[in-house]
Amino acid sequence: MSFFQRSLKDMISGMRANRQNEAKFIQNTMEDIKKELKHKDLKVKSVAMQKLTYLNMLGFDMTWAAFHVVEVMSTHKIAHKVIGYHAASQSFNENTEVMLLITNLLKKDLQSQS
């Protein structure tokens, strides 16, 4: 199965090119992101998380993706882990349901030798 994924840069270019129909473009992008977050490939999930975090900075809700954020944070690759931590710092608050998981994960990461 071939899986084509647009990058964050592609998404931003698409938003700029679709200013007249930006709401529909973002709605379609959100649907794509939801599919990408369910993908098994961690790189696909990480890029989806970057796009979702960018949309969150523009005011779009990403609370529904809290568990996906934790999933990206809990990987062993530092590049993916950074994306997850950035997404958490942008979108989580004291009422986020997965906060206990984040606390334990952060403690584990800080104690890690690698």
C-alpha atoms as a PDB file:
ATOM      1  CA  MET A   1       0.000   0.000   0.000  1.00  0.00           C
ATOM      2  CA  SER A   2       1.386   3.359  -0.999  1.00  0.00           C
ATOM      3  CA  PHE A   3       0.729   6.111   1.493  1.00  0.00           C
ATOM      4  CA  PHE A   4       1.263   9.666   0.308  1.00  0.00           C
ATOM      5  CA  GLN A   5       1.488  12.248   3.045  1.00  0.00           C
ATOM      6  CA  ARG A   6       1.737  15.978   2.709  1.00  0.00           C
ATOM      7  CA  SER A   7       4.381  17.646   4.841  1.00  0.00           C
ATOM      8  CA  LEU A   8       3.837  20.634   7.115  1.00  0.00           C
ATOM      9  CA  LYS A   9       5.291  22.828   4.378  1.00  0.00           C
ATOM     10  CA  ASP A  10       2.837  21.375   1.854  1.00  0.00           C
ATOM     11  CA  MET A  11      -0.057  22.048   4.216  1.00  0.00           C
ATOM     12  CA  ILE A  12       0.968  25.678   4.771  1.00  0.00           C
ATOM     13  CA  SER A  13       1.396  26.187   1.011  1.00  0.00           C
ATOM     14  CA  GLY A  14      -2.039  24.680   0.475  1.00  0.00           C
ATOM     15  CA  MET A  15      -3.576  27.000   3.049  1.00  0.00           C
ATOM     16  CA  ARG A  16      -2.041  29.998   1.320  1.00  0.00           C
ATOM     17  CA  ALA A  17      -3.187  28.808  -2.107  1.00  0.00           C
ATOM     18  CA  ASN A  18      -6.744  28.188  -0.857  1.00  0.00           C
ATOM     19  CA  ARG A  19      -7.451  31.435   0.985  1.00  0.00           C
ATOM     20  CA  GLN A  20     -10.861  31.685  -0.733  1.00  0.00           C
ATOM     21  CA  ASN A  21     -11.836  28.240   0.499  1.00  0.00           C
ATOM     22  CA  GLU A  22      -9.599  27.888   3.551  1.00  0.00           C
ATOM     23  CA  ALA A  23     -12.250  26.379   5.853  1.00  0.00           C
ATOM     24  CA  LYS A  24     -12.880  23.479   3.479  1.00  0.00           C
ATOM     25  CA  PHE A  25      -9.149  22.966   2.962  1.00  0.00           C
ATOM     26  CA  ILE A  26      -8.566  22.821   6.722  1.00  0.00           C
ATOM     27  CA  GLN A  27     -11.513  20.470   7.208  1.00  0.00           C
ATOM     28  CA  ASN A  28     -10.051  18.099   4.601  1.00  0.00           C
ATOM     29  CA  THR A  29      -6.597  18.449   6.167  1.00  0.00           C
ATOM     30  CA  MET A  30      -7.992  17.560   9.609  1.00  0.00           C
ATOM     31  CA  GLU A  31      -9.589  14.430   8.152  1.00  0.00           C
ATOM     32  CA  ASP A  32      -6.247  13.479   6.610  1.00  0.00           C
ATOM     33  CA  ILE A  33      -4.463  14.120   9.917  1.00  0.00           C
ATOM     34  CA  LYS A  34      -6.901  11.852  11.774  1.00  0.00           C
ATOM     35  CA  LYS A  35      -6.166   9.057   9.295  1.00  0.00           C
ATOM     36  CA  GLU A  36      -2.418   9.668   9.509  1.00  0.00           C
ATOM     37  CA  LEU A  37      -2.446   9.499  13.308  1.00  0.00           C
ATOM     38  CA  LYS A  38      -3.901   5.984  13.068  1.00  0.00           C
ATOM     39  CA  HIS A  39      -1.107   4.876  10.727  1.00  0.00           C
ATOM     40  CA  LYS A  40       1.452   2.376  12.031  1.00  0.00           C
ATOM     41  CA  ASP A  41       4.467   4.273  10.683  1.00  0.00           C
ATOM     42  CA  LEU A  42       5.841   6.574  13.355  1.00  0.00           C
ATOM     43  CA  LYS A  43       7.177   9.062  10.814  1.00  0.00           C
ATOM     44  CA  VAL A  44       3.677   9.478   9.374  1.00  0.00           C
ATOM     45  CA  LYS A  45       2.279  10.042  12.867  1.00  0.00           C
ATOM     46  CA  SER A  46       4.984  12.567  13.709  1.00  0.00           C
ATOM     47  CA  VAL A  47       4.393  14.643  10.582  1.00  0.00           C
ATOM     48  CA  ALA A  48       0.646  14.530  11.266  1.00  0.00           C
ATOM     49  CA  MET A  49       1.369  15.758  14.796  1.00  0.00           C
ATOM     50  CA  GLN A  50       3.439  18.651  13.426  1.00  0.00           C
ATOM     51  CA  LYS A  51       0.575  19.696  11.176  1.00  0.00           C
ATOM     52  CA  LEU A  52      -1.956  19.379  13.986  1.00  0.00           C
ATOM     53  CA  THR A  53       0.224  21.443  16.332  1.00  0.00           C
ATOM     54  CA  TYR A  54       0.513  24.149  13.684  1.00  0.00           C
ATOM     55  CA  LEU A  55      -3.270  24.212  13.292  1.00  0.00           C
ATOM     56  CA  ASN A  56      -3.592  24.377  17.066  1.00  0.00           C
ATOM     57  CA  MET A  57      -1.409  27.503  17.066  1.00  0.00           C
ATOM     58  CA  LEU A  58      -3.910  28.982  14.616  1.00  0.00           C
ATOM     59  CA  GLY A  59      -6.734  28.313  17.067  1.00  0.00           C
ATOM     60  CA  PHE A  60      -8.011  24.885  16.023  1.00  0.00           C
ATOM     61  CA  ASP A  61      -8.807  22.324  18.709  1.00  0.00           C
ATOM     62  CA  MET A  62      -6.574  19.302  19.139  1.00  0.00           C
ATOM     63  CA  THR A  63      -7.742  18.036  22.530  1.00  0.00           C
ATOM     64  CA  TRP A  64      -9.164  14.971  20.781  1.00  0.00           C
ATOM     65  CA  ALA A  65      -5.594  13.903  19.911  1.00  0.00           C
ATOM     66  CA  ALA A  66      -4.178  13.841  23.457  1.00  0.00           C
ATOM     67  CA  PHE A  67      -3.485  10.116  23.430  1.00  0.00           C
ATOM     68  CA  HIS A  68      -1.790  10.374  20.025  1.00  0.00           C
ATOM     69  CA  VAL A  69       0.476  13.062  21.475  1.00  0.00           C
ATOM     70  CA  VAL A  70       1.489  10.692  24.269  1.00  0.00           C
ATOM     71  CA  GLU A  71       2.050   7.949  21.717  1.00  0.00           C
ATOM     72  CA  VAL A  72       4.490  10.127  19.744  1.00  0.00           C
ATOM     73  CA  MET A  73       6.185  11.283  22.966  1.00  0.00           C
ATOM     74  CA  SER A  74       6.792   7.719  24.099  1.00  0.00           C
ATOM     75  CA  THR A  75       8.886   6.680  21.091  1.00  0.00           C
ATOM     76  CA  HIS A  76      12.595   5.958  21.276  1.00  0.00           C
ATOM     77  CA  LYS A  77      13.607   8.284  18.444  1.00  0.00           C
ATOM     78  CA  ILE A  78      14.470  11.711  19.779  1.00  0.00           C
ATOM     79  CA  ALA A  79      13.217  13.537  16.660  1.00  0.00           C
ATOM     80  CA  HIS A  80       9.730  12.084  17.116  1.00  0.00           C
ATOM     81  CA  LYS A  81       9.861  12.546  20.871  1.00  0.00           C
ATOM     82  CA  VAL A  82      10.582  16.283  20.443  1.00  0.00           C
ATOM     83  CA  ILE A  83       7.546  16.648  18.182  1.00  0.00           C
ATOM     84  CA  GLY A  84       5.398  14.955  20.815  1.00  0.00           C
ATOM     85  CA  TYR A  85       6.711  17.106  23.655  1.00  0.00           C
ATOM     86  CA  HIS A  86       6.169  20.248  21.571  1.00  0.00           C
ATOM     87  CA  ALA A  87       2.583  19.206  20.817  1.00  0.00           C
ATOM     88  CA  ALA A  88       1.966  18.541  24.508  1.00  0.00           C
ATOM     89  CA  SER A  89       3.378  21.908  25.549  1.00  0.00           C
ATOM     90  CA  GLN A  90       1.137  23.658  23.003  1.00  0.00           C
ATOM     91  CA  SER A  91      -2.094  21.845  23.726  1.00  0.00           C
ATOM     92  CA  PHE A  92      -2.161  20.292  27.198  1.00  0.00           C
ATOM     93  CA  ASN A  93      -3.420  21.978  30.347  1.00  0.00           C
ATOM     94  CA  GLU A  94      -4.050  20.860  33.910  1.00  0.00           C
ATOM     95  CA  ASN A  95      -7.375  19.283  32.882  1.00  0.00           C
ATOM     96  CA  THR A  96      -5.956  17.085  30.129  1.00  0.00           C
ATOM     97  CA  GLU A  97      -6.941  13.502  30.858  1.00  0.00           C
ATOM     98  CA  VAL A  98      -3.560  11.974  30.000  1.00  0.00           C
ATOM     99  CA  MET A  99      -1.569  14.246  32.310  1.00  0.00           C
ATOM    100  CA  LEU A 100      -0.609  11.388  34.638  1.00  0.00           C
ATOM    101  CA  LEU A 101       0.862   9.483  31.691  1.00  0.00           C
ATOM    102  CA  ILE A 102       2.872  12.568  30.725  1.00  0.00           C
ATOM    103  CA  THR A 103       4.249  12.987  34.226  1.00  0.00           C
ATOM    104  CA  ASN A 104       5.467   9.401  34.339  1.00  0.00           C
ATOM    105  CA  LEU A 105       6.855   9.572  30.803  1.00  0.00           C
ATOM    106  CA  LEU A 106       8.780  12.759  31.526  1.00  0.00           C
ATOM    107  CA  LYS A 107      10.231  11.225  34.690  1.00  0.00           C
ATOM    108  CA  LYS A 108      11.271   8.131  32.732  1.00  0.00           C
ATOM    109  CA  ASP A 109      12.860  10.249  29.959  1.00  0.00           C
ATOM    110  CA  LEU A 110      14.801  12.352  32.446  1.00  0.00           C
ATOM    111  CA  GLN A 111      16.184   9.255  34.167  1.00  0.00           C
ATOM    112  CA  SER A 112      17.151   7.586  30.862  1.00  0.00           C
ATOM    113  CA  GLN A 113      20.836   7.254  30.035  1.00  0.00           C
ATOM    114  CA  SER A 114      20.288   7.715  26.292  1.00  0.00           C
END
